[in-house]
Amino acid sequence: MNLCKMLKDILFSFLVFATGLVAFSYCEKERIRDRLEVKFFLPLEIAKRGQAIHGLYNSQVCIAHGGGLGRVRWRNSKEAVQQSISAGFSIVEVDMLRTTDGGYIGAHDWVSFRRLSGNKNTGNEAMSYCQAKSARILGRETPVTFEFLREIMSENPSLIIDVDKITDYEYLVRSLPHPDRLMVMTYNEMDYLRALRAGVRYPVFCVWEGANVSQAEYYQYPILRVNARLFGKGDYAKRLKRLHEKGVTIFALDADVCDEPDFIRENLGQTCSAIYTERWIPEIFDKMK
C-alpha cells in the first residue's frame, strides 16, 4: 500500500511539474514574442504615426490633474472637469477604472474613490458600474463617465482629454471618437504599441523611474509624462532636458514637487512643456508674478 501511495505521489508530482513547465514555456514564449514585436515594430509605428504635440495644447502650462480644480486630489468628478474648463484649462486629465461589469468610471483607485464618496467599505476591490455611478464625491459631486466626456468634448472643440489607468485602448477610441484631442497614458513599450495600433494618435509614455529615461531615449517617444522628482537628479535632469530640446513634449507630475514655485521657475519651458496641477497650481503662478 505504501509503495502504491508513493508511486501515486510521484506521478502526481510529475504531472504538476509538467503542467507548470508547459505554462512557464507558454508565458516565456509570449514574453519573447512581445519583446521582439516591440523591438522591431515600435520604432516603425512611432516613425509612421507618432508626433510631438507642441502647439496642440496651445501653450497651456497647466494640465488639470484628476479632473482638476480644488485642494482635494483625484476628484475625477463632472463638477471638477467643468470647473477646470471654465477656468480656461485646455487639457484635463481623468483616471478611468474598469468596473466589475465591464464599464468605466472616473476614479484614481477604488480605495480613494470609496473614501471620497463616504463609502464605509475601504477595500480596493472594484465596484459595479451602477454602484460607482450612483456614488457622490464629497457628498455632492458626480463621477465622470465616458458619456459625459463625449458630451464635453463635443461642446468644447479645443478641449483635450488625457486618460489614465485604462489599457483597453480599442474601447477608449470607440468611447471618445476625437482622436485629434485624445491622449492616453502608457507604462510600458507593449502598451504603447497597442495604443498606437488601436488608433490612439497621442499615446504618452510615463517615465516614473530612472530606467524609463533610457527607454525614452532609445525609442524617442514624442510625448512623455515624467516624475518631477527626476528633474532634481543630475544625470536624469540633463538627459530629460536634451530630449525636451530635441522637441519631445514633456509633462511633469508629482504631488509634492509641482506646486513649488522654484520647481516651476527652473523647469517650465526648460525641461518640461507643462505641469500637472495638484493643489491648484495657478494660485502659485499668481504668487510668482
Protein backbone atom coordinates (compact mmCIF):
# COMPACT_ATOMS: atom_id res chain seq x y z
CA MET A 1 0.00 0.00 0.00
CA ASN A 2 2.77 2.39 0.93
CA LEU A 3 4.55 1.67 -2.35
CA CYS A 4 1.35 2.28 -4.31
CA LYS A 5 0.76 5.55 -2.50
CA MET A 6 4.37 6.60 -3.10
CA LEU A 7 4.04 5.90 -6.83
CA LYS A 8 0.82 7.90 -6.99
CA ASP A 9 2.51 10.79 -5.21
CA ILE A 10 5.44 10.66 -7.63
CA LEU A 11 3.10 10.57 -10.62
CA PHE A 12 1.06 13.46 -9.25
CA SER A 13 4.21 15.50 -8.60
CA PHE A 14 5.41 14.80 -12.12
CA LEU A 15 2.09 15.93 -13.60
CA VAL A 16 2.17 19.13 -11.54
CA PHE A 17 5.76 19.80 -12.64
CA ALA A 18 4.94 19.09 -16.31
CA THR A 19 1.89 21.35 -16.22
CA GLY A 20 3.92 24.11 -14.62
CA LEU A 21 6.67 23.67 -17.21
CA VAL A 22 4.16 23.93 -20.08
CA ALA A 23 2.60 27.04 -18.54
CA PHE A 24 6.04 28.59 -17.99
CA SER A 25 7.09 27.78 -21.55
CA TYR A 26 3.89 29.36 -22.90
CA CYS A 27 4.37 32.51 -20.80
CA GLU A 28 8.03 32.72 -21.78
CA LYS A 29 7.10 32.29 -25.45
CA GLU A 30 4.54 35.10 -25.15
CA ARG A 31 7.06 37.33 -23.41
CA ILE A 32 9.75 36.73 -26.05
CA ARG A 33 7.23 37.32 -28.84
CA ASP A 34 6.14 40.61 -27.27
CA ARG A 35 9.76 41.74 -26.81
CA LEU A 36 10.61 41.00 -30.46
CA GLU A 37 7.45 42.73 -31.68
CA VAL A 38 8.23 45.82 -29.63
CA LYS A 39 11.88 45.89 -30.72
CA PHE A 40 11.14 45.67 -34.43
CA PHE A 41 7.73 47.28 -34.85
CA LEU A 42 7.50 50.00 -32.19
CA PRO A 43 10.17 52.24 -33.81
CA LEU A 44 8.37 51.87 -37.14
CA GLU A 45 4.99 52.76 -35.64
CA ILE A 46 6.44 55.80 -33.85
CA ALA A 47 8.16 56.99 -37.02
CA LYS A 48 4.98 56.48 -39.02
CA ARG A 49 2.37 57.90 -36.67
CA GLY A 50 3.99 59.35 -33.56
CA GLN A 51 4.36 63.11 -33.44
CA ALA A 52 5.11 65.76 -30.83
CA ILE A 53 2.21 67.94 -29.78
CA HIS A 54 3.88 71.30 -29.26
CA GLY A 55 1.12 73.69 -30.26
CA LEU A 56 -1.65 71.11 -29.79
CA TYR A 57 -2.01 72.16 -26.18
CA ASN A 58 -1.97 75.86 -27.15
CA SER A 59 0.85 76.82 -24.78
CA GLN A 60 -1.26 75.69 -21.82
CA VAL A 61 1.25 75.48 -18.99
CA CYS A 62 -1.04 73.59 -16.58
CA ILE A 63 -2.92 70.33 -17.03
CA ALA A 64 -5.88 69.76 -14.72
CA HIS A 65 -4.96 66.56 -12.87
CA GLY A 66 -7.65 64.09 -11.79
CA GLY A 67 -10.34 66.42 -13.11
CA GLY A 68 -8.56 69.46 -11.68
CA LEU A 69 -9.54 72.42 -9.55
CA GLY A 70 -9.74 72.27 -5.79
CA ARG A 71 -7.49 71.14 -2.99
CA VAL A 72 -8.86 67.58 -2.94
CA ARG A 73 -6.80 65.25 -5.14
CA TRP A 74 -8.25 62.81 -7.69
CA ARG A 75 -11.84 64.03 -7.54
CA ASN A 76 -12.47 62.85 -11.12
CA SER A 77 -15.93 64.39 -10.88
CA LYS A 78 -18.01 66.05 -13.58
CA GLU A 79 -18.07 69.23 -11.50
CA ALA A 80 -14.27 69.32 -11.23
CA VAL A 81 -13.90 68.90 -15.00
CA GLN A 82 -16.46 71.61 -15.72
CA GLN A 83 -14.76 73.99 -13.28
CA SER A 84 -11.41 73.34 -14.97
CA ILE A 85 -12.87 74.11 -18.40
CA SER A 86 -14.48 77.30 -17.06
CA ALA A 87 -11.11 78.31 -15.61
CA GLY A 88 -9.53 78.09 -19.06
CA PHE A 89 -7.78 74.71 -19.00
CA SER A 90 -7.39 73.18 -22.45
CA ILE A 91 -6.15 69.80 -21.15
CA VAL A 92 -7.97 67.86 -18.43
CA GLU A 93 -6.67 64.54 -17.11
CA VAL A 94 -9.06 61.90 -15.78
CA ASP A 95 -8.49 58.42 -14.35
CA MET A 96 -10.86 55.75 -15.65
CA LEU A 97 -11.17 52.42 -13.78
CA ARG A 98 -12.91 49.30 -15.07
CA THR A 99 -15.95 48.20 -13.07
CA THR A 100 -16.89 44.59 -12.29
CA ASP A 101 -19.39 44.52 -15.17
CA GLY A 102 -17.11 45.96 -17.84
CA GLY A 103 -17.97 49.66 -17.62
CA TYR A 104 -15.62 52.52 -16.73
CA ILE A 105 -15.93 55.20 -14.07
CA GLY A 106 -13.78 58.19 -13.14
CA ALA A 107 -11.60 57.07 -10.22
CA HIS A 108 -7.88 57.04 -9.41
CA ASP A 109 -8.20 53.86 -7.33
CA TRP A 110 -11.08 52.17 -5.52
CA VAL A 111 -9.74 52.98 -2.04
CA SER A 112 -9.65 56.74 -2.65
CA PHE A 113 -12.94 56.61 -4.59
CA ARG A 114 -14.68 54.99 -1.63
CA ARG A 115 -13.08 57.44 0.78
CA LEU A 116 -14.09 60.48 -1.30
CA SER A 117 -17.65 59.17 -1.68
CA GLY A 118 -18.09 58.32 2.00
CA ASN A 119 -18.29 54.56 1.46
CA LYS A 120 -17.69 52.64 4.68
CA ASN A 121 -16.03 49.79 2.77
CA THR A 122 -12.40 50.88 2.41
CA GLY A 123 -11.26 47.95 0.26
CA ASN A 124 -9.64 48.21 -3.17
CA GLU A 125 -11.94 45.73 -4.92
CA ALA A 126 -13.78 47.02 -7.98
CA MET A 127 -17.40 48.16 -7.81
CA SER A 128 -20.21 47.65 -10.32
CA TYR A 129 -20.87 50.44 -12.81
CA CYS A 130 -24.29 51.23 -11.37
CA GLN A 131 -22.95 51.33 -7.82
CA ALA A 132 -20.00 53.54 -8.74
CA LYS A 133 -22.04 55.85 -10.95
CA SER A 134 -24.54 56.49 -8.14
CA ALA A 135 -21.78 57.43 -5.66
CA ARG A 136 -21.35 61.10 -4.75
CA ILE A 137 -17.86 62.56 -4.49
CA LEU A 138 -17.56 64.74 -1.38
CA GLY A 139 -21.24 64.08 -0.84
CA ARG A 140 -22.42 66.15 -3.79
CA GLU A 141 -20.35 65.64 -6.96
CA THR A 142 -20.99 63.14 -9.76
CA PRO A 143 -18.33 60.69 -11.03
CA VAL A 144 -17.03 61.12 -14.58
CA THR A 145 -18.28 58.67 -17.23
CA PHE A 146 -17.33 58.24 -20.87
CA GLU A 147 -20.78 59.52 -21.85
CA PHE A 148 -20.01 62.76 -20.03
CA LEU A 149 -16.56 63.06 -21.62
CA ARG A 150 -18.07 62.65 -25.09
CA GLU A 151 -20.52 65.44 -24.37
CA ILE A 152 -17.97 67.95 -23.11
CA MET A 153 -15.55 67.18 -25.95
CA SER A 154 -18.36 67.90 -28.42
CA GLU A 155 -19.31 71.08 -26.58
CA ASN A 156 -15.69 72.31 -26.28
CA PRO A 157 -13.89 71.85 -29.63
CA SER A 158 -10.49 72.85 -28.22
CA LEU A 159 -10.63 70.58 -25.16
CA ILE A 160 -8.07 67.76 -24.91
CA ILE A 161 -8.83 64.80 -22.65
CA ASP A 162 -5.88 62.98 -21.08
CA VAL A 163 -6.94 59.49 -19.89
CA ASP A 164 -5.04 57.43 -17.33
CA LYS A 165 -5.40 53.88 -15.91
CA ILE A 166 -7.23 52.34 -18.91
CA THR A 167 -5.46 49.69 -21.03
CA ASP A 168 -8.37 48.69 -23.27
CA TYR A 169 -7.38 51.14 -25.98
CA GLU A 170 -9.91 49.90 -28.53
CA TYR A 171 -12.70 50.63 -26.03
CA LEU A 172 -11.20 54.06 -25.36
CA VAL A 173 -11.08 55.01 -29.03
CA ARG A 174 -14.68 53.86 -29.53
CA SER A 175 -15.82 55.75 -26.43
CA LEU A 176 -14.09 59.05 -27.28
CA PRO A 177 -14.14 59.43 -31.09
CA HIS A 178 -11.99 62.57 -31.17
CA PRO A 179 -8.51 61.20 -31.98
CA ASP A 180 -7.01 64.64 -32.51
CA ARG A 181 -7.93 65.60 -28.93
CA LEU A 182 -7.25 62.41 -27.01
CA MET A 183 -4.17 61.38 -25.04
CA VAL A 184 -3.70 58.19 -23.04
CA MET A 185 -1.05 57.18 -20.51
CA THR A 186 1.02 54.04 -21.18
CA TYR A 187 3.54 52.48 -18.80
CA ASN A 188 5.47 50.01 -20.97
CA GLU A 189 6.53 49.53 -24.56
CA MET A 190 3.93 46.90 -25.43
CA ASP A 191 1.04 49.04 -24.18
CA TYR A 192 2.41 52.00 -26.16
CA LEU A 193 2.47 49.86 -29.31
CA ARG A 194 -1.03 48.52 -28.59
CA ALA A 195 -2.33 52.06 -28.13
CA LEU A 196 -0.92 53.18 -31.47
CA ARG A 197 -2.37 50.18 -33.24
CA ALA A 198 -5.77 50.80 -31.66
CA GLY A 199 -5.81 54.25 -33.26
CA VAL A 200 -4.69 56.44 -30.35
CA ARG A 201 -2.93 59.33 -32.03
CA TYR A 202 -1.26 60.68 -28.89
CA PRO A 203 -0.15 57.93 -26.52
CA VAL A 204 2.04 59.23 -23.70
CA PHE A 205 4.88 57.17 -22.25
CA CYS A 206 5.23 57.53 -18.48
CA VAL A 207 8.76 57.94 -17.12
CA TRP A 208 8.42 57.12 -13.46
CA GLU A 209 11.93 55.90 -12.65
CA GLY A 210 15.45 56.30 -13.98
CA ALA A 211 15.35 53.17 -16.13
CA ASN A 212 12.45 54.64 -18.11
CA VAL A 213 14.65 57.59 -19.16
CA SER A 214 16.91 55.24 -21.12
CA GLN A 215 13.89 53.68 -22.78
CA ALA A 216 12.55 57.13 -23.68
CA GLU A 217 15.88 58.00 -25.28
CA TYR A 218 16.05 54.70 -27.17
CA TYR A 219 12.56 54.79 -28.67
CA GLN A 220 12.28 58.57 -28.95
CA TYR A 221 8.69 58.69 -27.73
CA PRO A 222 7.32 62.08 -28.82
CA ILE A 223 5.32 62.68 -25.61
CA LEU A 224 6.41 61.86 -22.05
CA ARG A 225 4.87 62.23 -18.63
CA VAL A 226 7.76 62.43 -16.18
CA ASN A 227 8.01 62.04 -12.43
CA ALA A 228 9.01 65.58 -11.47
CA ARG A 229 11.49 64.26 -8.90
CA LEU A 230 13.72 63.07 -11.74
CA PHE A 231 14.33 66.69 -12.75
CA GLY A 232 16.27 67.11 -9.49
CA LYS A 233 18.58 64.16 -10.15
CA GLY A 234 21.66 65.38 -12.01
CA ASP A 235 22.20 62.99 -14.92
CA TYR A 236 18.49 62.31 -15.42
CA ALA A 237 17.75 66.05 -15.45
CA LYS A 238 20.37 66.64 -18.15
CA ARG A 239 19.09 63.78 -20.30
CA LEU A 240 15.47 64.93 -19.98
CA LYS A 241 16.49 68.47 -20.89
CA ARG A 242 18.22 67.16 -24.03
CA LEU A 243 15.04 65.29 -25.00
CA HIS A 244 12.99 68.46 -24.47
CA GLU A 245 15.42 70.47 -26.60
CA LYS A 246 15.01 67.89 -29.38
CA GLY A 247 11.28 68.62 -29.49
CA VAL A 248 9.94 65.96 -27.15
CA THR A 249 6.84 67.14 -25.29
CA ILE A 250 7.35 66.56 -21.56
CA PHE A 251 4.67 66.87 -18.89
CA ALA A 252 5.80 66.96 -15.25
CA LEU A 253 3.82 65.34 -12.45
CA ASP A 254 4.38 64.97 -8.69
CA ALA A 255 2.13 66.00 -5.82
CA ASP A 256 4.89 67.38 -3.59
CA VAL A 257 7.12 68.96 -6.23
CA CYS A 258 4.99 70.50 -8.97
CA ASP A 259 3.39 73.10 -6.68
CA GLU A 260 6.74 74.58 -5.69
CA PRO A 261 7.48 77.97 -7.30
CA ASP A 262 11.19 77.18 -7.53
CA PHE A 263 10.48 73.99 -9.48
CA ILE A 264 8.22 75.89 -11.87
CA ARG A 265 10.78 78.67 -12.44
CA GLU A 266 13.63 76.25 -13.05
CA ASN A 267 11.86 73.72 -15.26
CA LEU A 268 8.85 75.11 -17.11
CA GLY A 269 9.96 75.73 -20.68
CA GLN A 270 13.42 74.39 -19.88
CA THR A 271 12.97 70.70 -19.13
CA CYS A 272 9.19 70.36 -19.34
CA SER A 273 6.42 71.71 -21.54
CA ALA A 274 3.59 71.73 -18.99
CA ILE A 275 2.85 70.78 -15.38
CA TYR A 276 0.01 68.79 -13.86
CA THR A 277 -1.92 70.54 -11.12
CA GLU A 278 -2.13 69.08 -7.63
CA ARG A 279 -3.11 71.74 -5.09
CA TRP A 280 -4.35 74.26 -7.66
CA ILE A 281 -1.11 75.38 -9.31
CA PRO A 282 -2.46 78.59 -10.95
CA GLU A 283 -2.56 80.14 -7.49
CA ILE A 284 1.17 79.51 -7.35
CA PHE A 285 1.62 81.28 -10.69
CA ASP A 286 -0.22 84.31 -9.34
CA LYS A 287 2.21 84.48 -6.43
CA MET A 288 5.17 84.29 -8.80
CA LYS A 289 4.12 87.38 -10.77
